[in-house]
Amino acid sequence: MKIGFFVPCYIDAIHPQAAISTYGLLKKLGLDVEFIERGSCCGLPELDMGYIKHSCSLEKGIVSLISDKGYDYVVVPSGICTDQFRDHFTEVEQTPEVAHFRATVHDPVEFLHDILKITELPGHPQFPYRVALHNGCHSLRYLNEARPTELMIKPFDKCADLLKLVDGLEVGYATRRDE
């Protein structure tokens, strides 16, 4: 399995350690991970402001970075950008390369939980503390990584499932956990 690892602009600028840690975890899991050297914007800021055509030009640049690389999956350490690529990448021609990218792009939680179905973490990490977990709107309502409270369905939380693989870690939530 060949994985492309794509770091969007705001993660690179604001939270680079999140990308570095995710990349390191994928490598520790023994995966063939290729860091896509040239990052780009997913187009979400432009789309949100109504600049659909400009967001399209940004989207087109991403396809050239990943086409012909033979990636089985592309992991993007951002749920918002993953949603943008998968569900809003509609203004560009839907070539086979675009269709493949949209079908195989995942954020780390989805990839680890749904694709790899990991049951243990390398090195059996320990963190004997209680942590607060907040699932973002995109991860709840677009990526379906946890149950939004407005839906009357059986509760689930993929991120919490993964955090439970860390020995000693206890997950806690705010009272109004998805607001």
Protein backbone atom coordinates (compact mmCIF):
# COMPACT_ATOMS: atom_id res chain seq x y z
CA MET A 1 0.00 0.00 0.00
CA LYS A 2 1.47 3.34 -1.08
CA ILE A 3 0.38 6.42 0.85
CA GLY A 4 0.72 10.03 -0.25
CA PHE A 5 0.97 12.42 2.70
CA PHE A 6 -0.28 15.89 1.80
CA VAL A 7 0.06 18.83 4.21
CA PRO A 8 -2.37 21.68 3.49
CA CYS A 9 -1.28 25.30 3.84
CA TYR A 10 -2.76 26.19 7.22
CA ILE A 11 -1.48 23.05 8.96
CA ASP A 12 1.98 23.80 7.59
CA ALA A 13 1.77 27.42 8.78
CA ILE A 14 0.00 27.05 12.13
CA HIS A 15 0.34 23.46 13.39
CA PRO A 16 3.31 21.82 11.65
CA GLN A 17 3.90 19.48 14.61
CA ALA A 18 0.51 17.86 13.95
CA ALA A 19 1.65 16.96 10.44
CA ILE A 20 5.11 15.85 11.59
CA SER A 21 3.62 13.59 14.28
CA THR A 22 1.07 12.09 11.91
CA TYR A 23 3.73 11.37 9.31
CA GLY A 24 5.91 9.76 11.99
CA LEU A 25 3.06 7.55 13.18
CA LEU A 26 2.31 6.34 9.66
CA LYS A 27 6.00 5.47 9.20
CA LYS A 28 6.09 3.65 12.58
CA LEU A 29 3.14 1.58 11.40
CA GLY A 30 5.42 0.31 8.62
CA LEU A 31 3.60 2.02 5.76
CA ASP A 32 5.16 3.14 2.49
CA VAL A 33 4.51 6.87 3.00
CA GLU A 34 5.66 9.50 0.55
CA PHE A 35 5.64 13.09 1.74
CA ILE A 36 4.21 15.30 -1.01
CA GLU A 37 6.83 18.05 -0.98
CA ARG A 38 4.78 20.91 -2.32
CA GLY A 39 1.81 21.79 -0.15
CA SER A 40 -1.18 23.72 -1.39
CA CYS A 41 -4.46 25.17 -0.25
CA CYS A 42 -7.59 23.03 -0.46
CA GLY A 43 -9.56 26.06 -1.67
CA LEU A 44 -11.93 26.23 1.31
CA PRO A 45 -11.24 29.88 2.28
CA GLU A 46 -11.96 31.01 -1.27
CA LEU A 47 -15.06 28.82 -1.58
CA ASP A 48 -16.41 30.13 1.75
CA MET A 49 -16.03 33.70 0.46
CA GLY A 50 -17.87 32.85 -2.76
CA TYR A 51 -14.82 32.78 -5.04
CA ILE A 52 -15.71 29.45 -6.61
CA LYS A 53 -13.63 29.92 -9.75
CA HIS A 54 -10.54 30.87 -7.72
CA SER A 55 -10.97 27.86 -5.44
CA CYS A 56 -11.12 25.72 -8.60
CA SER A 57 -7.72 26.94 -9.74
CA LEU A 58 -6.29 25.94 -6.36
CA GLU A 59 -7.95 22.54 -6.61
CA LYS A 60 -6.47 21.93 -10.06
CA GLY A 61 -2.97 22.42 -8.65
CA ILE A 62 -3.46 19.60 -6.18
CA VAL A 63 -4.27 17.02 -8.84
CA SER A 64 -0.94 17.63 -10.57
CA LEU A 65 0.86 16.94 -7.28
CA ILE A 66 -0.69 13.50 -6.85
CA SER A 67 -1.54 12.13 -10.28
CA ASP A 68 0.71 9.43 -11.71
CA LYS A 69 2.25 8.71 -8.28
CA GLY A 70 0.44 5.40 -7.74
CA TYR A 71 -0.96 6.32 -4.33
CA ASP A 72 -3.50 3.91 -2.93
CA TYR A 73 -4.52 6.56 -0.39
CA VAL A 74 -3.73 10.18 0.36
CA VAL A 75 -3.71 11.17 4.04
CA VAL A 76 -4.32 14.83 4.87
CA PRO A 77 -3.88 15.91 8.53
CA SER A 78 -6.96 18.14 8.41
CA GLY A 79 -10.60 17.10 8.53
CA ILE A 80 -11.73 20.38 6.99
CA CYS A 81 -9.42 19.99 4.01
CA THR A 82 -10.28 16.30 3.64
CA ASP A 83 -13.95 17.25 3.42
CA GLN A 84 -13.14 20.00 0.91
CA PHE A 85 -11.27 17.58 -1.34
CA ARG A 86 -13.82 14.79 -1.07
CA ASP A 87 -17.13 16.63 -1.11
CA HIS A 88 -16.49 20.03 -2.68
CA PHE A 89 -13.86 19.25 -5.29
CA THR A 90 -16.58 19.54 -7.92
CA GLU A 91 -15.61 22.57 -9.98
CA VAL A 92 -12.77 20.83 -11.79
CA GLU A 93 -13.15 18.30 -14.56
CA GLN A 94 -13.85 14.93 -12.96
CA THR A 95 -11.02 13.05 -14.63
CA PRO A 96 -10.10 9.54 -13.46
CA GLU A 97 -7.25 11.11 -11.44
CA VAL A 98 -9.63 13.51 -9.68
CA ALA A 99 -12.13 10.71 -9.02
CA HIS A 100 -9.38 8.49 -7.57
CA PHE A 101 -8.14 11.30 -5.33
CA ARG A 102 -11.64 12.11 -4.06
CA ALA A 103 -12.31 8.43 -3.33
CA THR A 104 -9.04 7.79 -1.51
CA VAL A 105 -8.36 10.98 0.48
CA HIS A 106 -8.71 10.54 4.26
CA ASP A 107 -7.85 12.40 7.41
CA PRO A 108 -5.70 10.47 9.92
CA VAL A 109 -8.59 9.35 12.14
CA GLU A 110 -10.53 7.85 9.23
CA PHE A 111 -7.43 6.26 7.79
CA LEU A 112 -6.27 4.65 11.03
CA HIS A 113 -9.75 3.62 12.20
CA ASP A 114 -11.59 2.71 8.99
CA ILE A 115 -8.89 1.73 6.50
CA LEU A 116 -6.08 0.25 8.62
CA LYS A 117 -8.42 -0.77 11.48
CA ILE A 118 -5.53 -0.53 13.94
CA THR A 119 -5.93 -2.22 17.30
CA GLU A 120 -2.62 -1.16 18.85
CA LEU A 121 -0.13 1.64 18.50
CA PRO A 122 3.58 1.09 17.86
CA GLY A 123 5.64 1.17 21.04
CA HIS A 124 2.52 0.87 23.23
CA PRO A 125 2.52 4.56 24.29
CA GLN A 126 1.45 5.55 27.78
CA PHE A 127 -0.16 8.81 28.86
CA PRO A 128 -1.75 8.42 32.32
CA TYR A 129 -3.85 11.57 32.16
CA ARG A 130 -7.38 12.70 31.40
CA VAL A 131 -7.71 14.62 28.13
CA ALA A 132 -10.57 16.67 26.72
CA LEU A 133 -11.72 15.66 23.27
CA HIS A 134 -13.57 18.03 20.96
CA ASN A 135 -14.66 16.62 17.62
CA GLY A 136 -14.81 19.44 15.07
CA CYS A 137 -17.88 20.12 12.97
CA HIS A 138 -16.39 18.74 9.76
CA SER A 139 -15.26 15.54 11.44
CA LEU A 140 -18.74 15.08 12.93
CA ARG A 141 -21.06 16.11 10.17
CA TYR A 142 -19.09 15.46 6.99
CA LEU A 143 -16.51 12.80 7.80
CA ASN A 144 -18.83 10.91 10.19
CA GLU A 145 -16.09 10.30 12.76
CA ALA A 146 -18.46 10.59 15.73
CA ARG A 147 -22.15 10.94 16.39
CA PRO A 148 -23.40 14.53 16.33
CA THR A 149 -25.71 15.04 19.31
CA GLU A 150 -28.60 16.13 17.09
CA LEU A 151 -28.86 12.63 15.61
CA MET A 152 -30.67 10.02 17.62
CA ILE A 153 -28.43 7.14 16.65
CA LYS A 154 -26.14 4.87 18.62
CA PRO A 155 -23.16 6.89 19.95
CA PHE A 156 -19.76 6.29 18.37
CA ASP A 157 -16.47 8.17 18.33
CA LYS A 158 -13.60 6.99 16.14
CA CYS A 159 -11.11 9.45 17.61
CA ALA A 160 -11.90 8.28 21.15
CA ASP A 161 -11.53 4.67 19.97
CA LEU A 162 -8.01 5.47 18.78
CA LEU A 163 -7.11 7.43 21.92
CA LYS A 164 -8.14 4.40 24.02
CA LEU A 165 -5.18 2.58 22.44
CA VAL A 166 -2.90 4.79 24.57
CA ASP A 167 -2.36 3.10 27.95
CA GLY A 168 -3.70 5.14 30.87
CA LEU A 169 -5.32 7.87 28.79
CA GLU A 170 -8.84 8.81 29.83
CA VAL A 171 -11.09 10.69 27.40
CA GLY A 172 -13.40 13.42 28.67
CA TYR A 173 -15.92 15.64 26.92
CA ALA A 174 -17.51 19.02 27.55
CA THR A 175 -21.17 18.99 28.57
CA ARG A 176 -22.22 20.32 25.16
CA ARG A 177 -19.58 18.30 23.38
CA ASP A 178 -20.17 19.24 19.75
CA GLU A 179 -20.83 22.95 20.09
